[in-house]
Protein backbone atom coordinates (compact mmCIF):
# COMPACT_ATOMS: atom_id res chain seq x y z
CA MET A 1 -0.02 -10.90 40.56
CA GLU A 2 -0.69 -14.17 38.71
CA GLN A 3 -3.72 -12.63 37.01
CA MET A 4 -1.62 -9.65 35.90
CA ASP A 5 1.10 -11.96 34.56
CA ARG A 6 -1.50 -13.93 32.58
CA GLU A 7 -2.92 -10.73 31.12
CA LYS A 8 0.56 -9.50 30.19
CA SER A 9 1.37 -12.83 28.57
CA ALA A 10 -1.88 -12.79 26.57
CA ASP A 11 -1.28 -9.19 25.43
CA PHE A 12 2.25 -10.03 24.33
CA GLU A 13 1.23 -13.18 22.46
CA SER A 14 -1.40 -11.20 20.55
CA MET A 15 1.39 -8.85 19.40
CA ARG A 16 4.24 -11.34 18.96
CA ALA A 17 3.85 -11.96 15.21
CA ARG A 18 3.61 -8.23 14.45
CA LEU A 19 6.65 -7.47 16.64
CA PHE A 20 8.57 -10.24 14.89
CA ALA A 21 7.63 -8.80 11.48
CA LEU A 22 8.87 -5.39 12.59
CA ALA A 23 12.16 -6.76 13.94
CA TYR A 24 12.75 -8.88 10.83
CA ARG A 25 12.14 -5.88 8.54
CA MET A 26 14.67 -3.94 10.60
CA LEU A 27 17.34 -6.64 10.87
CA GLY A 28 16.90 -8.96 7.87
CA SER A 29 17.50 -12.04 10.02
CA ARG A 30 15.08 -14.42 11.72
CA ALA A 31 17.47 -15.28 14.54
CA GLU A 32 18.20 -11.64 15.31
CA ALA A 33 14.49 -10.79 15.12
CA GLU A 34 13.64 -13.59 17.53
CA ASP A 35 16.30 -12.36 19.98
CA VAL A 36 14.93 -8.81 19.85
CA VAL A 37 11.35 -9.98 20.43
CA GLN A 38 12.49 -12.11 23.37
CA ASP A 39 14.30 -9.11 24.87
CA ALA A 40 11.14 -7.04 24.36
CA TRP A 41 9.15 -9.65 26.29
CA LEU A 42 11.61 -9.61 29.19
CA LYS A 43 11.41 -5.82 29.42
CA TYR A 44 7.61 -5.90 29.12
CA HIS A 45 7.32 -8.58 31.80
CA ALA A 46 9.45 -6.50 34.18
CA ALA A 47 7.61 -3.21 33.46
CA ASP A 48 5.03 -1.76 35.84
CA ALA A 49 1.68 -2.52 34.19
CA SER A 50 0.01 0.43 35.91
CA GLU A 51 2.28 2.82 34.00
CA LEU A 52 1.52 1.34 30.56
CA ARG A 53 -1.25 3.28 28.81
CA SER A 54 -1.11 1.08 25.73
CA SER A 55 0.63 -2.29 25.65
CA ALA A 56 0.71 -2.30 21.84
CA ALA A 57 2.33 1.14 21.62
CA TRP A 58 4.82 0.32 24.38
CA LEU A 59 5.84 -2.98 22.76
CA THR A 60 6.19 -1.40 19.30
CA THR A 61 8.39 1.33 20.78
CA ILE A 62 10.65 -0.97 22.77
CA THR A 63 10.99 -3.45 19.88
CA THR A 64 11.94 -0.66 17.47
CA ARG A 65 14.53 0.78 19.85
CA LEU A 66 16.02 -2.64 20.58
CA ALA A 67 16.23 -3.32 16.83
CA ILE A 68 17.94 0.04 16.21
CA ASP A 69 20.56 -0.71 18.89
CA ARG A 70 21.12 -4.21 17.50
CA LEU A 71 21.36 -2.93 13.92
CA ARG A 72 24.08 -0.43 14.86
CA HIS A 73 26.28 -3.33 15.99
CA LEU A 74 25.31 -5.59 13.08
CA GLN A 75 26.07 -3.01 10.40
CA ILE A 76 29.67 -2.76 11.60
CA GLU A 77 29.99 -6.55 11.60
CA ARG A 78 28.33 -6.99 8.20
CA THR A 79 30.62 -4.55 6.40
CA THR A 80 33.60 -6.75 7.28
CA ARG A 81 32.15 -10.00 5.91
CA ALA A 82 33.81 -11.41 2.81
CA GLY A 83 31.46 -11.49 -0.16
CA GLY A 84 29.18 -8.90 1.40
CA TRP A 85 26.00 -9.46 3.38
CA MET A 86 22.48 -10.05 2.12
CA PRO A 87 19.25 -10.31 4.14
CA GLU A 88 17.89 -13.73 4.96
CA PRO A 89 15.08 -14.56 2.51
CA TRP A 90 11.65 -15.33 3.91
CA ILE A 91 10.03 -18.28 2.14
CA GLU A 92 6.34 -18.77 2.89
CA GLY A 93 5.38 -22.28 3.96
CA LEU A 94 2.52 -24.42 2.71
CA ALA A 95 0.74 -23.82 6.02
CA PRO A 96 1.35 -20.13 6.84
CA SER A 97 2.54 -19.45 10.38
CA PRO A 98 1.41 -16.37 12.35
CA GLU A 99 4.75 -14.80 11.36
CA ASP A 100 4.04 -15.55 7.68
CA LEU A 101 0.65 -13.88 7.95
CA ALA A 102 2.11 -10.85 9.76
CA LEU A 103 4.79 -10.44 7.10
CA GLN A 104 2.19 -10.76 4.34
CA ALA A 105 0.31 -7.88 5.94
CA VAL A 106 3.44 -5.69 5.84
CA GLN A 107 4.89 -6.77 2.51
CA MET A 108 8.32 -5.45 1.62
CA SER A 109 10.19 -7.03 -1.28
CA TYR A 110 13.60 -8.63 -0.91
CA GLY A 111 15.10 -5.96 -3.15
CA VAL A 112 13.88 -3.21 -0.83
CA MET A 113 15.12 -5.20 2.19
CA LEU A 114 18.58 -5.38 0.62
CA LEU A 115 18.74 -1.66 -0.11
CA LEU A 116 17.51 -0.80 3.38
CA GLU A 117 20.89 -2.10 4.60
CA ARG A 118 22.38 1.14 3.26
CA LEU A 119 20.24 3.35 5.47
CA LYS A 120 21.16 4.53 8.94
CA PRO A 121 19.32 2.55 11.68
CA GLU A 122 16.94 5.39 12.63
CA GLU A 123 16.21 6.16 8.96
CA ARG A 124 15.43 2.50 8.39
CA ALA A 125 13.15 2.43 11.42
CA ALA A 126 11.26 5.52 10.28
CA PHE A 127 10.89 4.12 6.75
CA VAL A 128 9.74 0.66 7.89
CA LEU A 129 7.25 2.06 10.41
CA HIS A 130 5.78 4.50 7.89
CA GLU A 131 5.81 2.40 4.70
CA ALA A 132 5.21 -1.12 6.04
CA PHE A 133 3.26 -0.51 9.26
CA ASP A 134 1.31 2.63 8.26
CA CYS A 135 2.43 4.58 11.32
CA ASP A 136 1.91 8.33 10.99
CA TYR A 137 4.72 10.77 11.72
CA ALA A 138 3.34 11.61 15.17
CA GLU A 139 3.52 7.93 16.17
CA ILE A 140 7.01 7.54 14.71
CA ALA A 141 8.14 10.67 16.55
CA LYS A 142 7.09 9.15 19.89
CA ILE A 143 8.85 5.87 19.11
CA LEU A 144 12.11 7.50 17.99
CA ALA A 145 11.96 10.42 20.45
CA LYS A 146 12.23 12.95 17.62
CA SER A 147 9.97 15.62 16.15
CA PRO A 148 7.35 14.66 13.51
CA ALA A 149 9.08 17.02 11.05
CA ASN A 150 12.39 15.23 11.61
CA CYS A 151 10.75 11.84 11.05
CA ARG A 152 9.07 13.07 7.87
CA GLN A 153 12.47 14.24 6.58
CA MET A 154 14.09 10.86 7.39
CA VAL A 155 11.42 8.97 5.46
CA HIS A 156 11.72 11.41 2.55
CA ARG A 157 15.51 10.97 2.43
CA ALA A 158 15.14 7.18 2.61
CA LYS A 159 12.69 7.16 -0.30
CA GLU A 160 14.97 9.36 -2.38
CA ARG A 161 17.94 7.11 -1.74
CA LEU A 162 16.02 3.96 -2.57
CA GLN A 163 14.81 5.48 -5.84
CA ARG A 164 18.37 6.49 -6.75
CA GLU A 165 19.40 2.88 -6.14
CA GLY A 166 16.79 1.66 -8.59
CA VAL A 167 13.78 0.82 -6.43
CA PRO A 168 10.73 1.85 -8.46
CA ALA A 169 8.44 4.39 -6.81
CA LYS A 170 5.50 2.13 -7.63
CA ARG A 171 5.35 -1.50 -6.48
CA ALA A 172 5.40 -3.98 -9.37
CA ASP A 173 2.13 -5.64 -10.28
CA PRO A 174 2.33 -9.09 -8.58
CA ALA A 175 0.72 -10.84 -11.56
CA ALA A 176 3.21 -9.33 -14.02
CA HIS A 177 6.09 -10.08 -11.67
CA ALA A 178 4.96 -13.72 -11.28
CA ARG A 179 4.63 -14.05 -15.06
CA ILE A 180 8.23 -12.91 -15.64
CA VAL A 181 9.50 -15.18 -12.85
CA GLU A 182 7.81 -18.16 -14.53
CA ARG A 183 9.35 -17.23 -17.89
CA LEU A 184 12.74 -16.95 -16.19
CA ARG A 185 12.35 -20.40 -14.63
CA ALA A 186 11.24 -21.95 -17.95
CA ALA A 187 14.14 -20.38 -19.90
CA MET A 188 16.68 -21.57 -17.34
CA GLU A 189 15.21 -25.07 -17.30
CA ALA A 190 15.37 -25.23 -21.10
CA GLN A 191 18.88 -23.68 -21.10
CA ASP A 192 17.43 -21.10 -23.52
CA ARG A 193 20.16 -18.44 -23.45
CA VAL A 194 18.50 -16.29 -26.11
CA GLY A 195 15.24 -16.37 -24.14
CA LEU A 196 17.11 -15.35 -20.99
CA VAL A 197 18.77 -12.39 -22.71
CA ARG A 198 15.37 -11.13 -23.89
CA LEU A 199 14.03 -11.10 -20.34
CA PHE A 200 16.62 -8.55 -19.16
CA CYS A 201 16.95 -4.84 -19.77
CA ASP A 202 20.19 -3.71 -21.45
CA VAL A 203 22.11 -3.04 -18.21
CA PRO A 204 20.54 -4.95 -15.30
CA SER A 205 21.98 -4.82 -11.79
CA VAL A 206 23.30 -8.22 -10.67
CA ILE A 207 24.01 -8.77 -6.96
CA SER A 208 25.06 -12.02 -5.31
CA ASP A 209 26.63 -13.32 -2.12
CA ALA A 210 28.60 -15.88 -4.12
CA PRO A 211 32.35 -15.15 -4.10
CA GLU A 212 32.58 -15.46 -7.89
CA THR A 213 29.86 -12.83 -8.47
CA VAL A 214 30.55 -9.26 -7.39
CA ASP A 215 28.02 -6.46 -7.03
CA ALA A 216 27.98 -4.95 -10.50
CA VAL A 217 26.02 -3.53 -13.36
CA ALA A 218 26.07 -6.26 -16.00
CA THR A 219 24.89 -6.57 -19.57
CA ALA A 220 21.87 -8.71 -20.41
CA GLU A 221 24.24 -11.23 -22.01
CA GLN A 222 26.38 -11.44 -18.86
CA ALA A 223 23.29 -11.93 -16.68
CA ALA A 224 22.04 -14.69 -18.99
CA THR A 225 25.45 -16.42 -18.90
CA THR A 226 25.52 -16.27 -15.09
CA LEU A 227 22.08 -17.90 -14.87
CA SER A 228 22.87 -20.55 -17.50
CA MET A 229 25.93 -21.63 -15.52
CA ARG A 230 24.14 -21.41 -12.17
CA GLY A 231 21.17 -23.52 -13.28
CA ARG A 232 23.02 -26.52 -14.69
CA GLY A 233 22.18 -29.69 -12.78
CA ASP A 234 19.52 -28.03 -10.64
CA GLU A 235 15.79 -28.61 -10.48
CA MET A 236 13.78 -25.39 -10.44
CA GLU A 237 10.66 -24.35 -8.57
CA THR A 238 8.88 -21.06 -8.06
CA VAL A 239 8.34 -19.99 -4.44
CA THR A 240 6.95 -16.98 -2.61
CA MET A 241 9.90 -15.02 -1.22
CA ASN A 242 9.27 -11.89 0.86
CA GLY A 243 5.79 -11.58 -0.61
CA MET A 244 6.77 -11.93 -4.30
CA ARG A 245 7.45 -14.90 -6.58
CA ALA A 246 11.06 -16.05 -6.97
CA VAL A 247 12.95 -19.03 -8.42
CA ALA A 248 14.42 -21.69 -6.14
CA LEU A 249 17.20 -23.86 -7.54
CA MET A 250 16.99 -27.30 -5.92
CA ARG A 251 19.82 -29.83 -5.67
CA ASP A 252 19.31 -33.23 -4.02
CA GLY A 253 16.01 -31.95 -2.63
CA ASP A 254 17.46 -28.91 -0.86
CA ILE A 255 17.54 -25.27 -1.93
CA ASP A 256 20.86 -24.49 -3.62
CA ALA A 257 20.11 -20.86 -4.54
CA LEU A 258 17.28 -18.33 -4.63
CA LEU A 259 16.81 -15.88 -7.50
CA ASP A 260 14.91 -12.67 -6.79
CA ILE A 261 14.15 -10.10 -9.50
CA SER A 262 12.78 -6.60 -9.98
CA ILE A 263 11.05 -5.64 -13.20
CA GLY A 264 10.60 -2.28 -14.89
CA GLU A 265 7.50 -0.77 -16.49
CA ASP A 266 8.26 -2.65 -19.73
CA GLU A 267 8.24 -5.92 -17.73
CA ARG A 268 11.92 -6.58 -18.33
CA ILE A 269 14.23 -7.56 -15.47
CA VAL A 270 16.14 -4.54 -14.16
CA ALA A 271 17.72 -6.23 -11.12
CA LEU A 272 18.71 -9.80 -10.27
CA ARG A 273 19.67 -10.93 -6.77
CA ILE A 274 21.24 -14.37 -6.23
CA VAL A 275 21.26 -15.78 -2.70
CA THR A 276 23.53 -18.81 -2.21
CA GLY A 277 24.84 -18.60 1.37
CA ALA A 278 24.16 -21.82 3.28
CA ILE A 279 23.33 -19.99 6.52
CA ARG A 280 20.80 -17.74 4.78
CA LEU A 281 19.27 -20.65 2.86
CA ALA A 282 18.95 -23.02 5.83
CA PRO A 283 15.62 -21.58 7.11
CA ALA A 284 14.24 -21.55 3.55
CA THR A 285 15.24 -25.19 3.10
CA ARG A 286 13.46 -26.09 6.34
CA VAL A 287 10.28 -24.53 4.96
CA PHE A 288 10.47 -25.66 1.34
CA GLY A 289 13.20 -28.31 1.00
CA ARG A 290 13.23 -32.08 1.13
CA ALA A 291 13.20 -32.31 4.93
CA ALA A 292 10.10 -30.10 5.11
CA VAL A 293 8.29 -32.12 2.45
CA LEU A 294 9.11 -35.39 4.20
CA GLN A 295 7.87 -33.92 7.48
CA LEU A 296 4.57 -32.98 5.82
CA LEU A 297 4.23 -36.43 4.26
CA ARG A 298 5.09 -38.40 7.39
CA PRO A 299 1.68 -38.00 9.14
CA VAL A 300 -0.07 -38.89 5.88
CA SER A 301 2.11 -41.97 5.42
CA SER A 302 1.55 -43.06 9.02
CA GLN A 303 -2.20 -42.68 8.66
CA ALA A 304 -2.12 -44.62 5.42
CA CYS A 305 -0.31 -47.47 7.17
CA ILE A 306 -2.80 -47.49 10.03
CA SER A 307 -5.75 -47.60 7.65
CA TYR A 308 -4.19 -50.40 5.65
CA ASP A 309 -3.30 -52.52 8.69
CA ALA A 310 -6.81 -52.11 10.11
CA ARG A 311 -8.44 -53.85 7.19
CA PRO A 312 -9.72 -57.40 7.81
CA LEU A 313 -7.75 -60.09 6.00
CA PRO A 314 -9.57 -61.66 3.06
CA SER A 315 -11.11 -65.00 3.85
């Protein structure tokens, strides 16, 4: 029994980061993803090992189904929140965790994550499994207990909806995207309103969780004004957010807001997303903010003190 428990534990640990990435893509929240993965472990630990043909397939299936059930409840709750709900951004740390590496392997931009909120839970599951985890329709059918043809149709409908909402069919070139993000940061830092206007298309989509900014289609001038006001008094850094570069506005060493963009084929900004909610920014601040930097520096500082104190005094 102990040997079997050790083997189960080892199998689960080898899958944990991938299961977390799947749950996070489904739920848009680290805490919710962690809860789902923990529930998956409890079910896996209680399951009869002799009846499991493939631990990986079983864990993927149970994690997906748990995430679908959780998402059904969350979507009702999220629609009632004042100011709307936006996914929790994922900021990559200086030393990537297993979860960071798993998410890098299944990249899905923040803009796509936001629009996935508008899909039904099973549609979202089919889309995430197919597009991010390269599952074929036969695999998805087993996970969702539906026919492959039904799963294919769900993914097709999800793609169509995302494209109608402005998600480009082709993923933006990361180098071009990073270049525009850096120009955005530089223009905001210089308070160059004319430069900001030039970065945007004529009617960009501007979405924010800040009460003063409603989901809307704005003009380039309105988007530039919003950013000029938002950036006053903040320091600005570029960070990797959900696999793509973004701008972090820093105040007193902590992240005050995150700016995520989508660009069109002409390399102008077609969508701007502004994340300001303290709860959503708290994990990002732990990774990138002042407390995280101090934590990284502390071992170095301690070692420096030890080395200094160990020197012999001059005669």
